[in-house]
PDB file of all heavy atoms in Angstrom:
ATOM      1  N   GLY A   1      22.971 -10.387 -64.592  1.00  0.00           N
ATOM      2  CA  GLY A   1      23.013  -9.571 -63.389  1.00  0.00           C
ATOM      3  C   GLY A   1      24.357  -9.725 -62.733  1.00  0.00           C
ATOM      4  O   GLY A   1      25.276 -10.478 -63.196  1.00  0.00           O
ATOM      5  N   ASN A   2      24.554  -9.116 -61.580  1.00  0.00           N
ATOM      6  CA  ASN A   2      25.873  -9.076 -60.914  1.00  0.00           C
ATOM      7  C   ASN A   2      25.658  -8.938 -59.378  1.00  0.00           C
ATOM      8  O   ASN A   2      25.219  -7.888 -58.948  1.00  0.00           O
ATOM      9  CB  ASN A   2      26.735  -7.935 -61.437  1.00  0.00           C
ATOM     10  CG  ASN A   2      28.205  -8.070 -60.945  1.00  0.00           C
ATOM     11  OD1 ASN A   2      28.762  -9.113 -61.025  1.00  0.00           O
ATOM     12  ND2 ASN A   2      28.740  -6.958 -60.464  1.00  0.00           N
ATOM     13  N   ALA A   3      26.031 -10.038 -58.707  1.00  0.00           N
ATOM     14  CA  ALA A   3      25.891  -9.961 -57.253  1.00  0.00           C
ATOM     15  C   ALA A   3      27.129  -9.299 -56.612  1.00  0.00           C
ATOM     16  O   ALA A   3      28.196  -9.430 -57.134  1.00  0.00           O
ATOM     17  CB  ALA A   3      25.768 -11.441 -56.678  1.00  0.00           C
ATOM     18  N   PRO A   4      26.882  -8.543 -55.520  1.00  0.00           N
ATOM     19  CA  PRO A   4      28.037  -8.009 -54.806  1.00  0.00           C
ATOM     20  C   PRO A   4      28.953  -9.181 -54.304  1.00  0.00           C
ATOM     21  O   PRO A   4      28.414 -10.240 -53.954  1.00  0.00           O
ATOM     22  CB  PRO A   4      27.422  -7.276 -53.598  1.00  0.00           C
ATOM     23  CG  PRO A   4      25.965  -7.062 -54.022  1.00  0.00           C
ATOM     24  CD  PRO A   4      25.593  -8.207 -54.890  1.00  0.00           C
ATOM     25  N   LEU A   5      30.215  -8.903 -54.226  1.00  0.00           N
ATOM     26  CA  LEU A   5      31.153  -9.937 -53.752  1.00  0.00           C
ATOM     27  C   LEU A   5      30.792 -10.426 -52.376  1.00  0.00           C
ATOM     28  O   LEU A   5      30.976 -11.627 -52.052  1.00  0.00           O
ATOM     29  CB  LEU A   5      32.587  -9.425 -53.763  1.00  0.00           C
ATOM     30  CG  LEU A   5      33.200  -9.295 -55.180  1.00  0.00           C
ATOM     31  CD1 LEU A   5      34.539  -8.545 -55.088  1.00  0.00           C
ATOM     32  CD2 LEU A   5      33.491 -10.705 -55.755  1.00  0.00           C
ATOM     33  N   THR A   6      30.239  -9.559 -51.572  1.00  0.00           N
ATOM     34  CA  THR A   6      29.847  -9.952 -50.167  1.00  0.00           C
ATOM     35  C   THR A   6      28.670 -10.887 -50.119  1.00  0.00           C
ATOM     36  O   THR A   6      28.401 -11.577 -49.129  1.00  0.00           O
ATOM     37  CB  THR A   6      29.618  -8.716 -49.327  1.00  0.00           C
ATOM     38  OG1 THR A   6      28.617  -7.900 -50.016  1.00  0.00           O
ATOM     39  CG2 THR A   6      30.870  -7.932 -49.107  1.00  0.00           C
ATOM     40  N   ASP A   7      27.849 -10.976 -51.226  1.00  0.00           N
ATOM     41  CA  ASP A   7      26.683 -11.814 -51.265  1.00  0.00           C
ATOM     42  C   ASP A   7      26.747 -12.905 -52.287  1.00  0.00           C
ATOM     43  O   ASP A   7      25.799 -13.762 -52.430  1.00  0.00           O
ATOM     44  CB  ASP A   7      25.416 -10.966 -51.582  1.00  0.00           C
ATOM     45  CG  ASP A   7      25.142  -9.931 -50.524  1.00  0.00           C
ATOM     46  OD1 ASP A   7      25.423 -10.214 -49.346  1.00  0.00           O
ATOM     47  OD2 ASP A   7      24.616  -8.811 -50.828  1.00  0.00           O
ATOM     48  N   ALA A   8      27.847 -12.996 -53.008  1.00  0.00           N
ATOM     49  CA  ALA A   8      27.935 -13.964 -54.125  1.00  0.00           C
ATOM     50  C   ALA A   8      28.231 -15.393 -53.661  1.00  0.00           C
ATOM     51  O   ALA A   8      28.773 -15.616 -52.610  1.00  0.00           O
ATOM     52  CB  ALA A   8      28.990 -13.482 -55.119  1.00  0.00           C
ATOM     53  N   ASP A   9      27.868 -16.262 -54.496  1.00  0.00           N
ATOM     54  CA  ASP A   9      28.247 -17.734 -54.280  1.00  0.00           C
ATOM     55  C   ASP A   9      29.501 -18.094 -55.024  1.00  0.00           C
ATOM     56  O   ASP A   9      30.188 -19.076 -54.659  1.00  0.00           O
ATOM     57  CB  ASP A   9      27.099 -18.656 -54.788  1.00  0.00           C
ATOM     58  CG  ASP A   9      25.773 -18.454 -54.060  1.00  0.00           C
ATOM     59  OD1 ASP A   9      25.782 -18.475 -52.796  1.00  0.00           O
ATOM     60  OD2 ASP A   9      24.746 -18.273 -54.711  1.00  0.00           O
ATOM     61  N   VAL A  10      29.800 -17.378 -56.092  1.00  0.00           N
ATOM     62  CA  VAL A  10      30.993 -17.682 -56.875  1.00  0.00           C
ATOM     63  C   VAL A  10      31.463 -16.392 -57.572  1.00  0.00           C
ATOM     64  O   VAL A  10      30.681 -15.487 -57.903  1.00  0.00           O
ATOM     65  CB  VAL A  10      30.627 -18.780 -57.945  1.00  0.00           C
ATOM     66  CG1 VAL A  10      29.530 -18.277 -58.932  1.00  0.00           C
ATOM     67  CG2 VAL A  10      31.825 -19.237 -58.730  1.00  0.00           C
ATOM     68  N   ILE A  11      32.738 -16.348 -57.848  1.00  0.00           N
ATOM     69  CA  ILE A  11      33.314 -15.240 -58.605  1.00  0.00           C
ATOM     70  C   ILE A  11      33.600 -15.705 -60.015  1.00  0.00           C
ATOM     71  O   ILE A  11      34.241 -16.809 -60.162  1.00  0.00           O
ATOM     72  CB  ILE A  11      34.639 -14.711 -57.979  1.00  0.00           C
ATOM     73  CG1 ILE A  11      34.369 -14.226 -56.552  1.00  0.00           C
ATOM     74  CG2 ILE A  11      35.262 -13.616 -58.821  1.00  0.00           C
ATOM     75  CD1 ILE A  11      35.659 -13.807 -55.815  1.00  0.00           C
ATOM     76  N   ILE A  12      33.133 -15.020 -61.042  1.00  0.00           N
ATOM     77  CA  ILE A  12      33.443 -15.286 -62.410  1.00  0.00           C
ATOM     78  C   ILE A  12      34.552 -14.362 -62.852  1.00  0.00           C
ATOM     79  O   ILE A  12      34.332 -13.148 -62.914  1.00  0.00           O
ATOM     80  CB  ILE A  12      32.194 -15.172 -63.349  1.00  0.00           C
ATOM     81  CG1 ILE A  12      30.996 -15.899 -62.754  1.00  0.00           C
ATOM     82  CG2 ILE A  12      32.545 -15.648 -64.735  1.00  0.00           C
ATOM     83  CD1 ILE A  12      31.163 -17.404 -62.611  1.00  0.00           C
ATOM     84  N   ALA A  13      35.755 -14.874 -63.124  1.00  0.00           N
ATOM     85  CA  ALA A  13      36.902 -14.067 -63.393  1.00  0.00           C
ATOM     86  C   ALA A  13      37.161 -14.081 -64.927  1.00  0.00           C
ATOM     87  O   ALA A  13      37.295 -15.138 -65.534  1.00  0.00           O
ATOM     88  CB  ALA A  13      38.158 -14.563 -62.745  1.00  0.00           C
ATOM     89  N   LEU A  14      37.177 -12.904 -65.558  1.00  0.00           N
ATOM     90  CA  LEU A  14      37.346 -12.757 -66.969  1.00  0.00           C
ATOM     91  C   LEU A  14      38.708 -12.078 -67.259  1.00  0.00           C
ATOM     92  O   LEU A  14      38.931 -10.985 -66.888  1.00  0.00           O
ATOM     93  CB  LEU A  14      36.261 -11.883 -67.570  1.00  0.00           C
ATOM     94  CG  LEU A  14      34.808 -12.336 -67.262  1.00  0.00           C
ATOM     95  CD1 LEU A  14      33.842 -11.244 -67.662  1.00  0.00           C
ATOM     96  CD2 LEU A  14      34.505 -13.631 -67.923  1.00  0.00           C
ATOM     97  N   GLY A  15      39.629 -12.854 -67.816  1.00  0.00           N
ATOM     98  CA  GLY A  15      40.961 -12.362 -68.055  1.00  0.00           C
ATOM     99  C   GLY A  15      41.931 -13.509 -68.364  1.00  0.00           C
ATOM    100  O   GLY A  15      41.495 -14.486 -68.924  1.00  0.00           O
ATOM    101  N   GLY A  16      43.208 -13.340 -67.976  1.00  0.00           N
ATOM    102  CA  GLY A  16      44.214 -14.389 -68.199  1.00  0.00           C
ATOM    103  C   GLY A  16      44.664 -15.014 -66.933  1.00  0.00           C
ATOM    104  O   GLY A  16      43.971 -14.751 -65.858  1.00  0.00           O
ATOM    105  N   ASP A  17      45.665 -15.799 -66.992  1.00  0.00           N
ATOM    106  CA  ASP A  17      46.147 -16.509 -65.770  1.00  0.00           C
ATOM    107  C   ASP A  17      46.601 -15.517 -64.659  1.00  0.00           C
ATOM    108  O   ASP A  17      46.373 -15.802 -63.491  1.00  0.00           O
ATOM    109  CB  ASP A  17      47.310 -17.443 -66.165  1.00  0.00           C
ATOM    110  CG  ASP A  17      46.852 -18.632 -66.973  1.00  0.00           C
ATOM    111  OD1 ASP A  17      45.851 -19.290 -66.561  1.00  0.00           O
ATOM    112  OD2 ASP A  17      47.463 -18.900 -68.040  1.00  0.00           O
ATOM    113  N   GLY A  18      47.212 -14.399 -65.077  1.00  0.00           N
ATOM    114  CA  GLY A  18      47.610 -13.480 -64.040  1.00  0.00           C
ATOM    115  C   GLY A  18      46.460 -12.827 -63.332  1.00  0.00           C
ATOM    116  O   GLY A  18      46.488 -12.653 -62.150  1.00  0.00           O
ATOM    117  N   PHE A  19      45.386 -12.501 -64.053  1.00  0.00           N
ATOM    118  CA  PHE A  19      44.215 -11.940 -63.393  1.00  0.00           C
ATOM    119  C   PHE A  19      43.501 -12.982 -62.577  1.00  0.00           C
ATOM    120  O   PHE A  19      43.012 -12.665 -61.470  1.00  0.00           O
ATOM    121  CB  PHE A  19      43.286 -11.380 -64.457  1.00  0.00           C
ATOM    122  CG  PHE A  19      42.068 -10.758 -63.792  1.00  0.00           C
ATOM    123  CD1 PHE A  19      42.145  -9.563 -63.155  1.00  0.00           C
ATOM    124  CD2 PHE A  19      40.786 -11.387 -63.840  1.00  0.00           C
ATOM    125  CE1 PHE A  19      41.058  -8.984 -62.546  1.00  0.00           C
ATOM    126  CE2 PHE A  19      39.710 -10.800 -63.257  1.00  0.00           C
ATOM    127  CZ  PHE A  19      39.787  -9.632 -62.607  1.00  0.00           C
ATOM    128  N   LEU A  20      43.560 -14.256 -62.956  1.00  0.00           N
ATOM    129  CA  LEU A  20      42.958 -15.291 -62.106  1.00  0.00           C
ATOM    130  C   LEU A  20      43.710 -15.388 -60.790  1.00  0.00           C
ATOM    131  O   LEU A  20      43.032 -15.502 -59.718  1.00  0.00           O
ATOM    132  CB  LEU A  20      43.044 -16.641 -62.883  1.00  0.00           C
ATOM    133  CG  LEU A  20      42.419 -17.833 -62.059  1.00  0.00           C
ATOM    134  CD1 LEU A  20      40.933 -17.711 -62.003  1.00  0.00           C
ATOM    135  CD2 LEU A  20      42.846 -19.153 -62.692  1.00  0.00           C
ATOM    136  N   LEU A  21      45.036 -15.193 -60.842  1.00  0.00           N
ATOM    137  CA  LEU A  21      45.789 -15.227 -59.621  1.00  0.00           C
ATOM    138  C   LEU A  21      45.364 -14.029 -58.691  1.00  0.00           C
ATOM    139  O   LEU A  21      45.190 -14.195 -57.480  1.00  0.00           O
ATOM    140  CB  LEU A  21      47.242 -15.185 -59.928  1.00  0.00           C
ATOM    141  CG  LEU A  21      48.218 -15.198 -58.739  1.00  0.00           C
ATOM    142  CD1 LEU A  21      48.139 -16.522 -58.011  1.00  0.00           C
ATOM    143  CD2 LEU A  21      49.662 -14.988 -59.250  1.00  0.00           C
ATOM    144  N   GLU A  22      45.251 -12.869 -59.292  1.00  0.00           N
ATOM    145  CA  GLU A  22      44.744 -11.704 -58.576  1.00  0.00           C
ATOM    146  C   GLU A  22      43.385 -11.942 -57.965  1.00  0.00           C
ATOM    147  O   GLU A  22      43.106 -11.552 -56.779  1.00  0.00           O
ATOM    148  CB  GLU A  22      44.707 -10.484 -59.457  1.00  0.00           C
ATOM    149  CG  GLU A  22      45.980  -9.947 -59.969  1.00  0.00           C
ATOM    150  CD  GLU A  22      45.802  -8.758 -60.877  1.00  0.00           C
ATOM    151  OE1 GLU A  22      44.748  -8.063 -60.787  1.00  0.00           O
ATOM    152  OE2 GLU A  22      46.664  -8.519 -61.731  1.00  0.00           O
ATOM    153  N   THR A  23      42.497 -12.561 -58.671  1.00  0.00           N
ATOM    154  CA  THR A  23      41.144 -12.882 -58.151  1.00  0.00           C
ATOM    155  C   THR A  23      41.158 -13.844 -57.028  1.00  0.00           C
ATOM    156  O   THR A  23      40.425 -13.681 -56.077  1.00  0.00           O
ATOM    157  CB  THR A  23      40.262 -13.366 -59.328  1.00  0.00           C
ATOM    158  OG1 THR A  23      40.276 -12.487 -60.410  1.00  0.00           O
ATOM    159  CG2 THR A  23      38.833 -13.585 -58.820  1.00  0.00           C
ATOM    160  N   LEU A  24      42.043 -14.801 -57.096  1.00  0.00           N
ATOM    161  CA  LEU A  24      42.148 -15.763 -55.955  1.00  0.00           C
ATOM    162  C   LEU A  24      42.645 -15.066 -54.694  1.00  0.00           C
ATOM    163  O   LEU A  24      42.145 -15.320 -53.568  1.00  0.00           O
ATOM    164  CB  LEU A  24      43.098 -16.919 -56.368  1.00  0.00           C
ATOM    165  CG  LEU A  24      42.545 -17.929 -57.364  1.00  0.00           C
ATOM    166  CD1 LEU A  24      43.701 -18.869 -57.885  1.00  0.00           C
ATOM    167  CD2 LEU A  24      41.404 -18.804 -56.770  1.00  0.00           C
ATOM    168  N   HIS A  25      43.572 -14.168 -54.843  1.00  0.00           N
ATOM    169  CA  HIS A  25      44.065 -13.388 -53.661  1.00  0.00           C
ATOM    170  C   HIS A  25      42.954 -12.508 -53.154  1.00  0.00           C
ATOM    171  O   HIS A  25      42.802 -12.250 -51.909  1.00  0.00           O
ATOM    172  CB  HIS A  25      45.289 -12.521 -54.087  1.00  0.00           C
ATOM    173  CG  HIS A  25      46.591 -13.257 -53.916  1.00  0.00           C
ATOM    174  ND1 HIS A  25      47.225 -13.488 -52.797  1.00  0.00           N
ATOM    175  CD2 HIS A  25      47.337 -13.856 -54.884  1.00  0.00           C
ATOM    176  CE1 HIS A  25      48.353 -14.151 -52.937  1.00  0.00           C
ATOM    177  NE2 HIS A  25      48.444 -14.425 -54.281  1.00  0.00           N
ATOM    178  N   ARG A  26      42.140 -11.968 -54.088  1.00  0.00           N
ATOM    179  CA  ARG A  26      41.014 -11.073 -53.680  1.00  0.00           C
ATOM    180  C   ARG A  26      40.015 -11.873 -52.875  1.00  0.00           C
ATOM    181  O   ARG A  26      39.495 -11.445 -51.833  1.00  0.00           O
ATOM    182  CB  ARG A  26      40.381 -10.497 -54.912  1.00  0.00           C
ATOM    183  CG  ARG A  26      39.282  -9.429 -54.634  1.00  0.00           C
ATOM    184  CD  ARG A  26      38.855  -8.826 -55.961  1.00  0.00           C
ATOM    185  NE  ARG A  26      37.868  -7.756 -55.814  1.00  0.00           N
ATOM    186  CZ  ARG A  26      37.313  -7.139 -56.725  1.00  0.00           C
ATOM    187  NH1 ARG A  26      37.620  -7.426 -57.998  1.00  0.00           N
ATOM    188  NH2 ARG A  26      36.407  -6.149 -56.528  1.00  0.00           N
ATOM    189  N   ALA A  27      39.731 -13.146 -53.345  1.00  0.00           N
ATOM    190  CA  ALA A  27      38.801 -13.921 -52.592  1.00  0.00           C
ATOM    191  C   ALA A  27      39.301 -14.313 -51.245  1.00  0.00           C
ATOM    192  O   ALA A  27      38.592 -14.320 -50.250  1.00  0.00           O
ATOM    193  CB  ALA A  27      38.535 -15.235 -53.400  1.00  0.00           C
ATOM    194  N   LEU A  28      40.613 -14.502 -51.162  1.00  0.00           N
ATOM    195  CA  LEU A  28      41.274 -14.812 -49.892  1.00  0.00           C
ATOM    196  C   LEU A  28      41.186 -13.610 -48.910  1.00  0.00           C
ATOM    197  O   LEU A  28      41.033 -13.775 -47.734  1.00  0.00           O
ATOM    198  CB  LEU A  28      42.702 -15.188 -50.108  1.00  0.00           C
ATOM    199  CG  LEU A  28      43.477 -15.887 -49.037  1.00  0.00           C
ATOM    200  CD1 LEU A  28      42.815 -17.122 -48.594  1.00  0.00           C
ATOM    201  CD2 LEU A  28      44.899 -16.154 -49.495  1.00  0.00           C
ATOM    202  N   GLY A  29      41.329 -12.442 -49.500  1.00  0.00           N
ATOM    203  CA  GLY A  29      41.206 -11.232 -48.647  1.00  0.00           C
ATOM    204  C   GLY A  29      39.817 -10.958 -48.137  1.00  0.00           C
ATOM    205  O   GLY A  29      39.610 -10.418 -46.996  1.00  0.00           O
ATOM    206  N   LEU A  30      38.785 -11.418 -48.903  1.00  0.00           N
ATOM    207  CA  LEU A  30      37.451 -11.213 -48.427  1.00  0.00           C
ATOM    208  C   LEU A  30      37.031 -12.181 -47.315  1.00  0.00           C
ATOM    209  O   LEU A  30      36.274 -11.836 -46.381  1.00  0.00           O
ATOM    210  CB  LEU A  30      36.450 -11.424 -49.625  1.00  0.00           C
ATOM    211  CG  LEU A  30      36.452 -10.277 -50.687  1.00  0.00           C
ATOM    212  CD1 LEU A  30      35.750 -10.829 -51.916  1.00  0.00           C
ATOM    213  CD2 LEU A  30      35.821  -9.031 -50.104  1.00  0.00           C
ATOM    214  N   ASN A  31      37.482 -13.449 -47.360  1.00  0.00           N
ATOM    215  CA  ASN A  31      37.151 -14.418 -46.390  1.00  0.00           C
ATOM    216  C   ASN A  31      38.315 -15.484 -46.403  1.00  0.00           C
ATOM    217  O   ASN A  31      38.295 -16.331 -47.211  1.00  0.00           O
ATOM    218  CB  ASN A  31      35.815 -15.052 -46.728  1.00  0.00           C
ATOM    219  CG  ASN A  31      35.381 -15.981 -45.579  1.00  0.00           C
ATOM    220  OD1 ASN A  31      36.145 -16.511 -44.752  1.00  0.00           O
ATOM    221  ND2 ASN A  31      34.061 -16.217 -45.510  1.00  0.00           N
ATOM    222  N   ARG A  32      39.179 -15.340 -45.429  1.00  0.00           N
ATOM    223  CA  ARG A  32      40.359 -16.232 -45.397  1.00  0.00           C
ATOM    224  C   ARG A  32      39.896 -17.677 -45.057  1.00  0.00           C
ATOM    225  O   ARG A  32      40.488 -18.624 -45.504  1.00  0.00           O
ATOM    226  CB  ARG A  32      41.361 -15.713 -44.355  1.00  0.00           C
ATOM    227  CG  ARG A  32      42.582 -16.500 -44.287  1.00  0.00           C
ATOM    228  CD  ARG A  32      43.542 -15.995 -43.204  1.00  0.00           C
ATOM    229  NE  ARG A  32      44.744 -16.737 -43.051  1.00  0.00           N
ATOM    230  CZ  ARG A  32      45.904 -16.460 -43.655  1.00  0.00           C
ATOM    231  NH1 ARG A  32      45.959 -15.451 -44.450  1.00  0.00           N
ATOM    232  NH2 ARG A  32      46.971 -17.194 -43.386  1.00  0.00           N
ATOM    233  N   GLU A  33      38.908 -17.752 -44.140  1.00  0.00           N
ATOM    234  CA  GLU A  33      38.468 -19.151 -43.722  1.00  0.00           C
ATOM    235  C   GLU A  33      37.739 -19.905 -44.744  1.00  0.00           C
ATOM    236  O   GLU A  33      37.874 -21.118 -44.911  1.00  0.00           O
ATOM    237  CB  GLU A  33      37.669 -19.034 -42.428  1.00  0.00           C
ATOM    238  CG  GLU A  33      38.463 -18.481 -41.243  1.00  0.00           C
ATOM    239  CD  GLU A  33      37.576 -18.513 -39.981  1.00  0.00           C
ATOM    240  OE1 GLU A  33      36.383 -18.897 -40.079  1.00  0.00           O
ATOM    241  OE2 GLU A  33      38.118 -18.112 -38.903  1.00  0.00           O
ATOM    242  N   ARG A  34      36.984 -19.234 -45.590  1.00  0.00           N
ATOM    243  CA  ARG A  34      36.186 -19.909 -46.635  1.00  0.00           C
ATOM    244  C   ARG A  34      36.078 -18.977 -47.769  1.00  0.00           C
ATOM    245  O   ARG A  34      35.052 -18.343 -48.090  1.00  0.00           O
ATOM    246  CB  ARG A  34      34.788 -20.272 -46.110  1.00  0.00           C
ATOM    247  CG  ARG A  34      34.061 -21.296 -46.970  1.00  0.00           C
ATOM    248  CD  ARG A  34      32.822 -21.700 -46.310  1.00  0.00           C
ATOM    249  NE  ARG A  34      33.004 -22.489 -45.133  1.00  0.00           N
ATOM    250  CZ  ARG A  34      33.326 -23.823 -45.148  1.00  0.00           C
ATOM    251  NH1 ARG A  34      33.396 -24.455 -46.257  1.00  0.00           N
ATOM    252  NH2 ARG A  34      33.530 -24.470 -44.003  1.00  0.00           N
ATOM    253  N   PRO A  35      37.160 -18.850 -48.607  1.00  0.00           N
ATOM    254  CA  PRO A  35      37.137 -18.002 -49.798  1.00  0.00           C
ATOM    255  C   PRO A  35      36.059 -18.454 -50.828  1.00  0.00           C
ATOM    256  O   PRO A  35      35.807 -19.615 -50.998  1.00  0.00           O
ATOM    257  CB  PRO A  35      38.523 -18.064 -50.357  1.00  0.00           C
ATOM    258  CG  PRO A  35      39.313 -18.694 -49.245  1.00  0.00           C
ATOM    259  CD  PRO A  35      38.453 -19.503 -48.437  1.00  0.00           C
ATOM    260  N   LEU A  36      35.503 -17.485 -51.496  1.00  0.00           N
ATOM    261  CA  LEU A  36      34.554 -17.836 -52.604  1.00  0.00           C
ATOM    262  C   LEU A  36      35.292 -18.652 -53.695  1.00  0.00           C
ATOM    263  O   LEU A  36      36.435 -18.385 -53.984  1.00  0.00           O
ATOM    264  CB  LEU A  36      33.987 -16.569 -53.189  1.00  0.00           C
ATOM    265  CG  LEU A  36      33.002 -15.774 -52.428  1.00  0.00           C
ATOM    266  CD1 LEU A  36      32.641 -14.481 -53.186  1.00  0.00           C
ATOM    267  CD2 LEU A  36      31.673 -16.597 -52.251  1.00  0.00           C
ATOM    268  N   PRO A  37      34.572 -19.630 -54.253  1.00  0.00           N
ATOM    269  CA  PRO A  37      35.218 -20.384 -55.325  1.00  0.00           C
ATOM    270  C   PRO A  37      35.276 -19.417 -56.540  1.00  0.00           C
ATOM    271  O   PRO A  37      34.505 -18.465 -56.695  1.00  0.00           O
ATOM    272  CB  PRO A  37      34.188 -21.515 -55.608  1.00  0.00           C
ATOM    273  CG  PRO A  37      32.932 -21.096 -54.976  1.00  0.00           C
ATOM    274  CD  PRO A  37      33.255 -20.203 -53.870  1.00  0.00           C
ATOM    275  N   VAL A  38      36.263 -19.732 -57.462  1.00  0.00           N
ATOM    276  CA  VAL A  38      36.478 -18.863 -58.587  1.00  0.00           C
ATOM    277  C   VAL A  38      36.416 -19.733 -59.881  1.00  0.00           C
ATOM    278  O   VAL A  38      37.021 -20.805 -59.962  1.00  0.00           O
ATOM    279  CB  VAL A  38      37.925 -18.244 -58.533  1.00  0.00           C
ATOM    280  CG1 VAL A  38      38.169 -17.415 -59.793  1.00  0.00           C
ATOM    281  CG2 VAL A  38      38.023 -17.318 -57.365  1.00  0.00           C
ATOM    282  N   TYR A  39      35.589 -19.223 -60.784  1.00  0.00           N
ATOM    283  CA  TYR A  39      35.399 -19.879 -62.145  1.00  0.00           C
ATOM    284  C   TYR A  39      35.971 -18.868 -63.114  1.00  0.00           C
ATOM    285  O   TYR A  39      35.417 -17.788 -63.340  1.00  0.00           O
ATOM    286  CB  TYR A  39      33.979 -20.160 -62.389  1.00  0.00           C
ATOM    287  CG  TYR A  39      33.610 -20.780 -63.674  1.00  0.00           C
ATOM    288  CD1 TYR A  39      33.580 -22.194 -63.831  1.00  0.00           C
ATOM    289  CD2 TYR A  39      33.317 -19.987 -64.780  1.00  0.00           C
ATOM    290  CE1 TYR A  39      33.291 -22.746 -65.042  1.00  0.00           C
ATOM    291  CE2 TYR A  39      32.981 -20.562 -65.993  1.00  0.00           C
ATOM    292  CZ  TYR A  39      33.008 -21.930 -66.175  1.00  0.00           C
ATOM    293  OH  TYR A  39      32.654 -22.537 -67.342  1.00  0.00           O
TER     294      TYR A  39
END
């Protein structure tokens, strides 16, 4: 299944190191005070 980013507990990022960096910035944009953890 797939939870919306607004309801998720964690983001699962599939890609390389560059995409992981993009995902961390995305998590920061969604919630600066408490960004979702990224696996």
